[in-house]
Amino acid sequence: MKTADGRIAGIETLRGAPCGATWEAATCVTGLPWQDAVVRIGLETQFFCTADPAGWDPIYGKSPVHFAGKLHSAALKSALQRSYKKDAEKTS
């Protein structure tokens, strides 16, 4: 994760969805302010996801598409936190 001026400057995807939605979604959020990107990556993932949205997971109570969106948003938020922590350590 690279950030600059409060925006997503670049994302290197290490692991992603088998359908390829992760890479497509990461491209779509590059350049966005980080606050917007956390929400947007979930929406973009749902758009590109090829899982059947009608198939509800009995454990989580969500469709695989919704689950994928939440998972990608959480992963981006975590990557942003690590990126900002790393940047803070460099400047101190």
PDB file of N, CA and C in Angstrom:
ATOM      1  N   MET A   1       0.833  -1.160   0.000  1.00  0.00           N
ATOM      2  CA  MET A   1       0.000   0.000   0.000  1.00  0.00           C
ATOM      3  C   MET A   1       0.883   1.230   0.000  1.00  0.00           C
ATOM      4  N   LYS A   2       0.614   2.111  -0.929  1.00  0.00           N
ATOM      5  CA  LYS A   2       1.305   3.396  -0.962  1.00  0.00           C
ATOM      6  C   LYS A   2       0.259   4.486  -0.887  1.00  0.00           C
ATOM      7  N   THR A   3       0.534   5.474  -0.042  1.00  0.00           N
ATOM      8  CA  THR A   3      -0.356   6.616   0.081  1.00  0.00           C
ATOM      9  C   THR A   3       0.431   7.895  -0.140  1.00  0.00           C
ATOM     10  N   ALA A   4      -0.254   8.908  -0.600  1.00  0.00           N
ATOM     11  CA  ALA A   4       0.359  10.215  -0.781  1.00  0.00           C
ATOM     12  C   ALA A   4      -0.738  11.272  -0.676  1.00  0.00           C
ATOM     13  N   ASP A   5      -0.506  12.246   0.180  1.00  0.00           N
ATOM     14  CA  ASP A   5      -1.450  13.349   0.360  1.00  0.00           C
ATOM     15  C   ASP A   5      -2.858  12.879   0.701  1.00  0.00           C
ATOM     16  N   GLY A   6      -2.964  11.830   1.528  1.00  0.00           N
ATOM     17  CA  GLY A   6      -4.263  11.328   1.953  1.00  0.00           C
ATOM     18  C   GLY A   6      -5.003  10.507   0.912  1.00  0.00           C
ATOM     19  N   ARG A   7      -4.305  10.134  -0.150  1.00  0.00           N
ATOM     20  CA  ARG A   7      -4.930   9.347  -1.220  1.00  0.00           C
ATOM     21  C   ARG A   7      -4.191   8.024  -1.398  1.00  0.00           C
ATOM     22  N   ILE A   8      -4.867   7.083  -2.028  1.00  0.00           N
ATOM     23  CA  ILE A   8      -4.252   5.798  -2.349  1.00  0.00           C
ATOM     24  C   ILE A   8      -3.379   6.013  -3.580  1.00  0.00           C
ATOM     25  N   ALA A   9      -2.080   5.834  -3.420  1.00  0.00           N
ATOM     26  CA  ALA A   9      -1.157   6.037  -4.536  1.00  0.00           C
ATOM     27  C   ALA A   9      -0.876   4.726  -5.277  1.00  0.00           C
ATOM     28  N   GLY A  10      -1.020   3.614  -4.595  1.00  0.00           N
ATOM     29  CA  GLY A  10      -0.775   2.332  -5.236  1.00  0.00           C
ATOM     30  C   GLY A  10      -1.100   1.181  -4.310  1.00  0.00           C
ATOM     31  N   ILE A  11      -1.566   0.100  -4.890  1.00  0.00           N
ATOM     32  CA  ILE A  11      -1.886  -1.103  -4.130  1.00  0.00           C
ATOM     33  C   ILE A  11      -1.225  -2.292  -4.805  1.00  0.00           C
ATOM     34  N   GLU A  12      -0.476  -3.044  -4.019  1.00  0.00           N
ATOM     35  CA  GLU A  12       0.084  -4.298  -4.508  1.00  0.00           C
ATOM     36  C   GLU A  12      -0.735  -5.423  -3.876  1.00  0.00           C
ATOM     37  N   THR A  13      -1.420  -6.168  -4.698  1.00  0.00           N
ATOM     38  CA  THR A  13      -2.276  -7.249  -4.206  1.00  0.00           C
ATOM     39  C   THR A  13      -1.449  -8.514  -4.049  1.00  0.00           C
ATOM     40  N   LEU A  14      -1.375  -9.001  -2.822  1.00  0.00           N
ATOM     41  CA  LEU A  14      -0.616 -10.221  -2.542  1.00  0.00           C
ATOM     42  C   LEU A  14      -1.485 -11.460  -2.651  1.00  0.00           C
ATOM     43  N   ARG A  15      -2.740 -11.356  -2.229  1.00  0.00           N
ATOM     44  CA  ARG A  15      -3.721 -12.438  -2.350  1.00  0.00           C
ATOM     45  C   ARG A  15      -5.052 -11.811  -2.711  1.00  0.00           C
ATOM     46  N   GLY A  16      -5.813 -12.500  -3.515  1.00  0.00           N
ATOM     47  CA  GLY A  16      -7.090 -11.935  -3.909  1.00  0.00           C
ATOM     48  C   GLY A  16      -8.116 -13.001  -4.221  1.00  0.00           C
ATOM     49  N   ALA A  17      -9.283 -12.539  -4.577  1.00  0.00           N
ATOM     50  CA  ALA A  17     -10.381 -13.438  -4.912  1.00  0.00           C
ATOM     51  C   ALA A  17     -10.041 -14.229  -6.175  1.00  0.00           C
ATOM     52  N   PRO A  18     -10.438 -15.494  -6.235  1.00  0.00           N
ATOM     53  CA  PRO A  18     -10.126 -16.311  -7.403  1.00  0.00           C
ATOM     54  C   PRO A  18     -10.739 -15.779  -8.696  1.00  0.00           C
ATOM     55  N   CYS A  19     -11.813 -15.007  -8.575  1.00  0.00           N
ATOM     56  CA  CYS A  19     -12.477 -14.489  -9.778  1.00  0.00           C
ATOM     57  C   CYS A  19     -11.751 -13.271 -10.361  1.00  0.00           C
ATOM     58  N   GLY A  20     -10.794 -12.719  -9.616  1.00  0.00           N
ATOM     59  CA  GLY A  20     -10.057 -11.565 -10.109  1.00  0.00           C
ATOM     60  C   GLY A  20     -10.621 -10.226  -9.670  1.00  0.00           C
ATOM     61  N   ALA A  21     -11.698 -10.243  -8.887  1.00  0.00           N
ATOM     62  CA  ALA A  21     -12.344  -8.999  -8.459  1.00  0.00           C
ATOM     63  C   ALA A  21     -11.397  -8.109  -7.654  1.00  0.00           C
ATOM     64  N   THR A  22     -10.499  -8.703  -6.901  1.00  0.00           N
ATOM     65  CA  THR A  22      -9.587  -7.934  -6.054  1.00  0.00           C
ATOM     66  C   THR A  22      -8.716  -6.994  -6.887  1.00  0.00           C
ATOM     67  N   TRP A  23      -8.156  -7.496  -7.954  1.00  0.00           N
ATOM     68  CA  TRP A  23      -7.261  -6.692  -8.789  1.00  0.00           C
ATOM     69  C   TRP A  23      -8.028  -5.588  -9.504  1.00  0.00           C
ATOM     70  N   GLU A  24      -9.208  -5.901  -9.983  1.00  0.00           N
ATOM     71  CA  GLU A  24     -10.042  -4.898 -10.654  1.00  0.00           C
ATOM     72  C   GLU A  24     -10.456  -3.800  -9.679  1.00  0.00           C
ATOM     73  N   ALA A  25     -10.880  -4.198  -8.475  1.00  0.00           N
ATOM     74  CA  ALA A  25     -11.320  -3.231  -7.472  1.00  0.00           C
ATOM     75  C   ALA A  25     -10.159  -2.345  -7.015  1.00  0.00           C
ATOM     76  N   ALA A  26      -8.981  -2.944  -6.860  1.00  0.00           N
ATOM     77  CA  ALA A  26      -7.810  -2.166  -6.435  1.00  0.00           C
ATOM     78  C   ALA A  26      -7.472  -1.080  -7.456  1.00  0.00           C
ATOM     79  N   THR A  27      -7.614  -1.400  -8.722  1.00  0.00           N
ATOM     80  CA  THR A  27      -7.368  -0.410  -9.777  1.00  0.00           C
ATOM     81  C   THR A  27      -8.359   0.743  -9.679  1.00  0.00           C
ATOM     82  N   CYS A  28      -9.599   0.425  -9.352  1.00  0.00           N
ATOM     83  CA  CYS A  28     -10.648   1.452  -9.290  1.00  0.00           C
ATOM     84  C   CYS A  28     -10.478   2.423  -8.123  1.00  0.00           C
ATOM     85  N   VAL A  29      -9.872   1.979  -7.024  1.00  0.00           N
ATOM     86  CA  VAL A  29      -9.748   2.868  -5.869  1.00  0.00           C
ATOM     87  C   VAL A  29      -8.424   3.625  -5.833  1.00  0.00           C
ATOM     88  N   THR A  30      -7.505   3.275  -6.696  1.00  0.00           N
ATOM     89  CA  THR A  30      -6.229   3.995  -6.744  1.00  0.00           C
ATOM     90  C   THR A  30      -6.496   5.443  -7.152  1.00  0.00           C
ATOM     91  N   GLY A  31      -5.982   6.358  -6.354  1.00  0.00           N
ATOM     92  CA  GLY A  31      -6.175   7.781  -6.598  1.00  0.00           C
ATOM     93  C   GLY A  31      -7.262   8.404  -5.739  1.00  0.00           C
ATOM     94  N   LEU A  32      -8.079   7.580  -5.091  1.00  0.00           N
ATOM     95  CA  LEU A  32      -9.150   8.097  -4.247  1.00  0.00           C
ATOM     96  C   LEU A  32      -8.625   8.474  -2.865  1.00  0.00           C
ATOM     97  N   PRO A  33      -9.284   9.407  -2.180  1.00  0.00           N
ATOM     98  CA  PRO A  33      -8.952   9.656  -0.773  1.00  0.00           C
ATOM     99  C   PRO A  33      -9.166   8.364   0.012  1.00  0.00           C
ATOM    100  N   TRP A  34      -8.326   8.116   1.015  1.00  0.00           N
ATOM    101  CA  TRP A  34      -8.370   6.829   1.700  1.00  0.00           C
ATOM    102  C   TRP A  34      -9.716   6.570   2.367  1.00  0.00           C
ATOM    103  N   GLN A  35     -10.393   7.624   2.862  1.00  0.00           N
ATOM    104  CA  GLN A  35     -11.689   7.417   3.512  1.00  0.00           C
ATOM    105  C   GLN A  35     -12.711   6.879   2.503  1.00  0.00           C
ATOM    106  N   ASP A  36     -12.691   7.403   1.305  1.00  0.00           N
ATOM    107  CA  ASP A  36     -13.609   6.956   0.261  1.00  0.00           C
ATOM    108  C   ASP A  36     -13.232   5.569  -0.250  1.00  0.00           C
ATOM    109  N   ALA A  37     -11.948   5.298  -0.304  1.00  0.00           N
ATOM    110  CA  ALA A  37     -11.463   4.036  -0.866  1.00  0.00           C
ATOM    111  C   ALA A  37     -11.892   2.841  -0.029  1.00  0.00           C
ATOM    112  N   VAL A  38     -11.958   2.994   1.293  1.00  0.00           N
ATOM    113  CA  VAL A  38     -12.338   1.877   2.163  1.00  0.00           C
ATOM    114  C   VAL A  38     -13.764   1.417   1.842  1.00  0.00           C
ATOM    115  N   VAL A  39     -14.655   2.348   1.590  1.00  0.00           N
ATOM    116  CA  VAL A  39     -16.031   1.991   1.230  1.00  0.00           C
ATOM    117  C   VAL A  39     -16.093   1.537  -0.224  1.00  0.00           C
ATOM    118  N   ARG A  40     -15.425   2.264  -1.078  1.00  0.00           N
ATOM    119  CA  ARG A  40     -15.518   2.006  -2.523  1.00  0.00           C
ATOM    120  C   ARG A  40     -14.974   0.647  -2.932  1.00  0.00           C
ATOM    121  N   ILE A  41     -13.908   0.181  -2.266  1.00  0.00           N
ATOM    122  CA  ILE A  41     -13.350  -1.115  -2.671  1.00  0.00           C
ATOM    123  C   ILE A  41     -14.356  -2.241  -2.426  1.00  0.00           C
ATOM    124  N   GLY A  42     -15.153  -2.116  -1.374  1.00  0.00           N
ATOM    125  CA  GLY A  42     -16.187  -3.117  -1.130  1.00  0.00           C
ATOM    126  C   GLY A  42     -17.230  -3.135  -2.233  1.00  0.00           C
ATOM    127  N   LEU A  43     -17.653  -1.944  -2.660  1.00  0.00           N
ATOM    128  CA  LEU A  43     -18.641  -1.845  -3.734  1.00  0.00           C
ATOM    129  C   LEU A  43     -18.077  -2.342  -5.056  1.00  0.00           C
ATOM    130  N   GLU A  44     -16.851  -1.961  -5.353  1.00  0.00           N
ATOM    131  CA  GLU A  44     -16.227  -2.391  -6.605  1.00  0.00           C
ATOM    132  C   GLU A  44     -16.022  -3.909  -6.623  1.00  0.00           C
ATOM    133  N   THR A  45     -15.655  -4.470  -5.477  1.00  0.00           N
ATOM    134  CA  THR A  45     -15.482  -5.921  -5.391  1.00  0.00           C
ATOM    135  C   THR A  45     -16.797  -6.623  -5.683  1.00  0.00           C
ATOM    136  N   GLN A  46     -17.877  -6.109  -5.114  1.00  0.00           N
ATOM    137  CA  GLN A  46     -19.188  -6.702  -5.366  1.00  0.00           C
ATOM    138  C   GLN A  46     -19.555  -6.614  -6.844  1.00  0.00           C
ATOM    139  N   PHE A  47     -19.199  -5.525  -7.478  1.00  0.00           N
ATOM    140  CA  PHE A  47     -19.501  -5.351  -8.897  1.00  0.00           C
ATOM    141  C   PHE A  47     -18.752  -6.375  -9.755  1.00  0.00           C
ATOM    142  N   PHE A  48     -17.468  -6.585  -9.461  1.00  0.00           N
ATOM    143  CA  PHE A  48     -16.638  -7.485 -10.269  1.00  0.00           C
ATOM    144  C   PHE A  48     -16.733  -8.952  -9.848  1.00  0.00           C
ATOM    145  N   CYS A  49     -17.296  -9.224  -8.685  1.00  0.00           N
ATOM    146  CA  CYS A  49     -17.377 -10.592  -8.161  1.00  0.00           C
ATOM    147  C   CYS A  49     -18.282 -11.453  -9.037  1.00  0.00           C
ATOM    148  N   THR A  50     -17.847 -12.669  -9.302  1.00  0.00           N
ATOM    149  CA  THR A  50     -18.630 -13.571 -10.147  1.00  0.00           C
ATOM    150  C   THR A  50     -19.399 -14.614  -9.336  1.00  0.00           C
ATOM    151  N   ALA A  51     -19.368 -14.507  -8.009  1.00  0.00           N
ATOM    152  CA  ALA A  51     -20.125 -15.448  -7.178  1.00  0.00           C
ATOM    153  C   ALA A  51     -21.620 -15.190  -7.353  1.00  0.00           C
ATOM    154  N   ASP A  52     -22.410 -16.191  -7.086  1.00  0.00           N
ATOM    155  CA  ASP A  52     -23.860 -16.088  -7.211  1.00  0.00           C
ATOM    156  C   ASP A  52     -24.410 -15.266  -6.038  1.00  0.00           C
ATOM    157  N   PRO A  53     -24.943 -14.063  -6.299  1.00  0.00           N
ATOM    158  CA  PRO A  53     -25.446 -13.224  -5.203  1.00  0.00           C
ATOM    159  C   PRO A  53     -26.695 -13.800  -4.532  1.00  0.00           C
ATOM    160  N   ALA A  54     -27.327 -14.781  -5.158  1.00  0.00           N
ATOM    161  CA  ALA A  54     -28.523 -15.387  -4.566  1.00  0.00           C
ATOM    162  C   ALA A  54     -28.173 -16.462  -3.545  1.00  0.00           C
ATOM    163  N   GLY A  55     -26.918 -16.902  -3.534  1.00  0.00           N
ATOM    164  CA  GLY A  55     -26.509 -17.961  -2.614  1.00  0.00           C
ATOM    165  C   GLY A  55     -26.164 -17.397  -1.247  1.00  0.00           C
ATOM    166  N   TRP A  56     -27.076 -17.531  -0.283  1.00  0.00           N
ATOM    167  CA  TRP A  56     -26.849 -16.987   1.057  1.00  0.00           C
ATOM    168  C   TRP A  56     -26.076 -17.971   1.903  1.00  0.00           C
ATOM    169  N   ASP A  57     -25.086 -17.469   2.622  1.00  0.00           N
ATOM    170  CA  ASP A  57     -24.281 -18.280   3.519  1.00  0.00           C
ATOM    171  C   ASP A  57     -25.043 -18.451   4.834  1.00  0.00           C
ATOM    172  N   PRO A  58     -25.307 -19.683   5.258  1.00  0.00           N
ATOM    173  CA  PRO A  58     -26.088 -19.879   6.485  1.00  0.00           C
ATOM    174  C   PRO A  58     -25.354 -19.458   7.761  1.00  0.00           C
ATOM    175  N   ILE A  59     -24.032 -19.418   7.726  1.00  0.00           N
ATOM    176  CA  ILE A  59     -23.262 -19.040   8.917  1.00  0.00           C
ATOM    177  C   ILE A  59     -23.238 -17.525   9.087  1.00  0.00           C
ATOM    178  N   TYR A  60     -22.930 -16.806   8.018  1.00  0.00           N
ATOM    179  CA  TYR A  60     -22.803 -15.351   8.098  1.00  0.00           C
ATOM    180  C   TYR A  60     -24.091 -14.619   7.771  1.00  0.00           C
ATOM    181  N   GLY A  61     -25.042 -15.285   7.140  1.00  0.00           N
ATOM    182  CA  GLY A  61     -26.307 -14.654   6.806  1.00  0.00           C
ATOM    183  C   GLY A  61     -26.196 -13.626   5.690  1.00  0.00           C
ATOM    184  N   LYS A  62     -25.179 -13.729   4.879  1.00  0.00           N
ATOM    185  CA  LYS A  62     -24.969 -12.799   3.766  1.00  0.00           C
ATOM    186  C   LYS A  62     -24.672 -13.589   2.495  1.00  0.00           C
ATOM    187  N   SER A  63     -24.861 -12.917   1.370  1.00  0.00           N
ATOM    188  CA  SER A  63     -24.486 -13.549   0.111  1.00  0.00           C
ATOM    189  C   SER A  63     -22.971 -13.511  -0.012  1.00  0.00           C
ATOM    190  N   PRO A  64     -22.386 -14.381  -0.825  1.00  0.00           N
ATOM    191  CA  PRO A  64     -20.935 -14.356  -0.998  1.00  0.00           C
ATOM    192  C   PRO A  64     -20.446 -13.028  -1.566  1.00  0.00           C
ATOM    193  N   VAL A  65     -21.274 -12.368  -2.347  1.00  0.00           N
ATOM    194  CA  VAL A  65     -20.898 -11.072  -2.925  1.00  0.00           C
ATOM    195  C   VAL A  65     -20.779 -10.024  -1.818  1.00  0.00           C
ATOM    196  N   HIS A  66     -21.750  -9.995  -0.903  1.00  0.00           N
ATOM    197  CA  HIS A  66     -21.698  -9.039   0.210  1.00  0.00           C
ATOM    198  C   HIS A  66     -20.537  -9.356   1.152  1.00  0.00           C
ATOM    199  N   PHE A  67     -20.330 -10.633   1.397  1.00  0.00           N
ATOM    200  CA  PHE A  67     -19.222 -11.045   2.252  1.00  0.00           C
ATOM    201  C   PHE A  67     -17.889 -10.610   1.647  1.00  0.00           C
ATOM    202  N   ALA A  68     -17.736 -10.790   0.344  1.00  0.00           N
ATOM    203  CA  ALA A  68     -16.503 -10.388  -0.343  1.00  0.00           C
ATOM    204  C   ALA A  68     -16.279  -8.880  -0.225  1.00  0.00           C
ATOM    205  N   GLY A  69     -17.334  -8.111  -0.358  1.00  0.00           N
ATOM    206  CA  GLY A  69     -17.216  -6.658  -0.231  1.00  0.00           C
ATOM    207  C   GLY A  69     -16.750  -6.247   1.152  1.00  0.00           C
ATOM    208  N   LYS A  70     -17.346  -6.834   2.182  1.00  0.00           N
ATOM    209  CA  LYS A  70     -16.954  -6.519   3.568  1.00  0.00           C
ATOM    210  C   LYS A  70     -15.512  -6.936   3.832  1.00  0.00           C
ATOM    211  N   LEU A  71     -15.144  -8.098   3.332  1.00  0.00           N
ATOM    212  CA  LEU A  71     -13.787  -8.609   3.532  1.00  0.00           C
ATOM    213  C   LEU A  71     -12.752  -7.695   2.872  1.00  0.00           C
ATOM    214  N   HIS A  72     -13.025  -7.241   1.657  1.00  0.00           N
ATOM    215  CA  HIS A  72     -12.093  -6.364   0.958  1.00  0.00           C
ATOM    216  C   HIS A  72     -11.984  -5.000   1.639  1.00  0.00           C
ATOM    217  N   SER A  73     -13.095  -4.477   2.136  1.00  0.00           N
ATOM    218  CA  SER A  73     -13.053  -3.202   2.867  1.00  0.00           C
ATOM    219  C   SER A  73     -12.203  -3.329   4.120  1.00  0.00           C
ATOM    220  N   ALA A  74     -12.384  -4.424   4.854  1.00  0.00           N
ATOM    221  CA  ALA A  74     -11.599  -4.646   6.066  1.00  0.00           C
ATOM    222  C   ALA A  74     -10.117  -4.810   5.749  1.00  0.00           C
ATOM    223  N   ALA A  75      -9.810  -5.513   4.668  1.00  0.00           N
ATOM    224  CA  ALA A  75      -8.412  -5.724   4.284  1.00  0.00           C
ATOM    225  C   ALA A  75      -7.746  -4.408   3.881  1.00  0.00           C
ATOM    226  N   LEU A  76      -8.469  -3.565   3.158  1.00  0.00           N
ATOM    227  CA  LEU A  76      -7.901  -2.272   2.759  1.00  0.00           C
ATOM    228  C   LEU A  76      -7.681  -1.385   3.976  1.00  0.00           C
ATOM    229  N   LYS A  77      -8.623  -1.384   4.899  1.00  0.00           N
ATOM    230  CA  LYS A  77      -8.480  -0.589   6.118  1.00  0.00           C
ATOM    231  C   LYS A  77      -7.253  -1.041   6.912  1.00  0.00           C
ATOM    232  N   SER A  78      -7.074  -2.344   7.022  1.00  0.00           N
ATOM    233  CA  SER A  78      -5.914  -2.888   7.728  1.00  0.00           C
ATOM    234  C   SER A  78      -4.608  -2.508   7.030  1.00  0.00           C
ATOM    235  N   ALA A  79      -4.587  -2.588   5.705  1.00  0.00           N
ATOM    236  CA  ALA A  79      -3.384  -2.221   4.941  1.00  0.00           C
ATOM    237  C   ALA A  79      -3.073  -0.735   5.106  1.00  0.00           C
ATOM    238  N   LEU A  80      -4.105   0.092   5.138  1.00  0.00           N
ATOM    239  CA  LEU A  80      -3.896   1.528   5.343  1.00  0.00           C
ATOM    240  C   LEU A  80      -3.305   1.806   6.716  1.00  0.00           C
ATOM    241  N   GLN A  81      -3.804   1.121   7.728  1.00  0.00           N
ATOM    242  CA  GLN A  81      -3.271   1.304   9.075  1.00  0.00           C
ATOM    243  C   GLN A  81      -1.798   0.910   9.136  1.00  0.00           C
ATOM    244  N   ARG A  82      -1.460  -0.202   8.505  1.00  0.00           N
ATOM    245  CA  ARG A  82      -0.054  -0.632   8.482  1.00  0.00           C
ATOM    246  C   ARG A  82       0.809   0.367   7.711  1.00  0.00           C
ATOM    247  N   SER A  83       0.279   0.898   6.622  1.00  0.00           N
ATOM    248  CA  SER A  83       1.019   1.851   5.805  1.00  0.00           C
ATOM    249  C   SER A  83       1.291   3.136   6.584  1.00  0.00           C
ATOM    250  N   TYR A  84       0.278   3.647   7.264  1.00  0.00           N
ATOM    251  CA  TYR A  84       0.465   4.877   8.031  1.00  0.00           C
ATOM    252  C   TYR A  84       1.389   4.661   9.217  1.00  0.00           C
ATOM    253  N   LYS A  85       1.315   3.478   9.832  1.00  0.00           N
ATOM    254  CA  LYS A  85       2.213   3.170  10.942  1.00  0.00           C
ATOM    255  C   LYS A  85       3.657   3.122  10.451  1.00  0.00           C
ATOM    256  N   LYS A  86       3.870   2.505   9.294  1.00  0.00           N
ATOM    257  CA  LYS A  86       5.208   2.412   8.717  1.00  0.00           C
ATOM    258  C   LYS A  86       5.739   3.801   8.370  1.00  0.00           C
ATOM    259  N   ASP A  87       4.883   4.646   7.820  1.00  0.00           N
ATOM    260  CA  ASP A  87       5.292   6.024   7.486  1.00  0.00           C
ATOM    261  C   ASP A  87       5.654   6.815   8.733  1.00  0.00           C
ATOM    262  N   ALA A  88       4.876   6.608   9.817  1.00  0.00           N
ATOM    263  CA  ALA A  88       5.134   7.317  11.073  1.00  0.00           C
ATOM    264  C   ALA A  88       6.463   6.889  11.674  1.00  0.00           C
ATOM    265  N   GLU A  89       6.805   5.621  11.546  1.00  0.00           N
ATOM    266  CA  GLU A  89       8.075   5.119  12.071  1.00  0.00           C
ATOM    267  C   GLU A  89       9.261   5.683  11.288  1.00  0.00           C
ATOM    268  N   LYS A  90       9.075   5.932  10.005  1.00  0.00           N
ATOM    269  CA  LYS A  90      10.150   6.490   9.189  1.00  0.00           C
ATOM    270  C   LYS A  90      10.440   7.935   9.572  1.00  0.00           C
ATOM    271  N   THR A  91       9.418   8.688   9.946  1.00  0.00           N
ATOM    272  CA  THR A  91       9.602  10.101  10.237  1.00  0.00           C
ATOM    273  C   THR A  91      10.034  10.347  11.677  1.00  0.00           C
ATOM    274  N   SER A  92       9.934   9.324  12.555  1.00  0.00           N
ATOM    275  CA  SER A  92      10.331   9.554  13.950  1.00  0.00           C
ATOM    276  C   SER A  92      11.738   9.138  14.240  1.00  0.00           C
TER     277      SER A  92
END
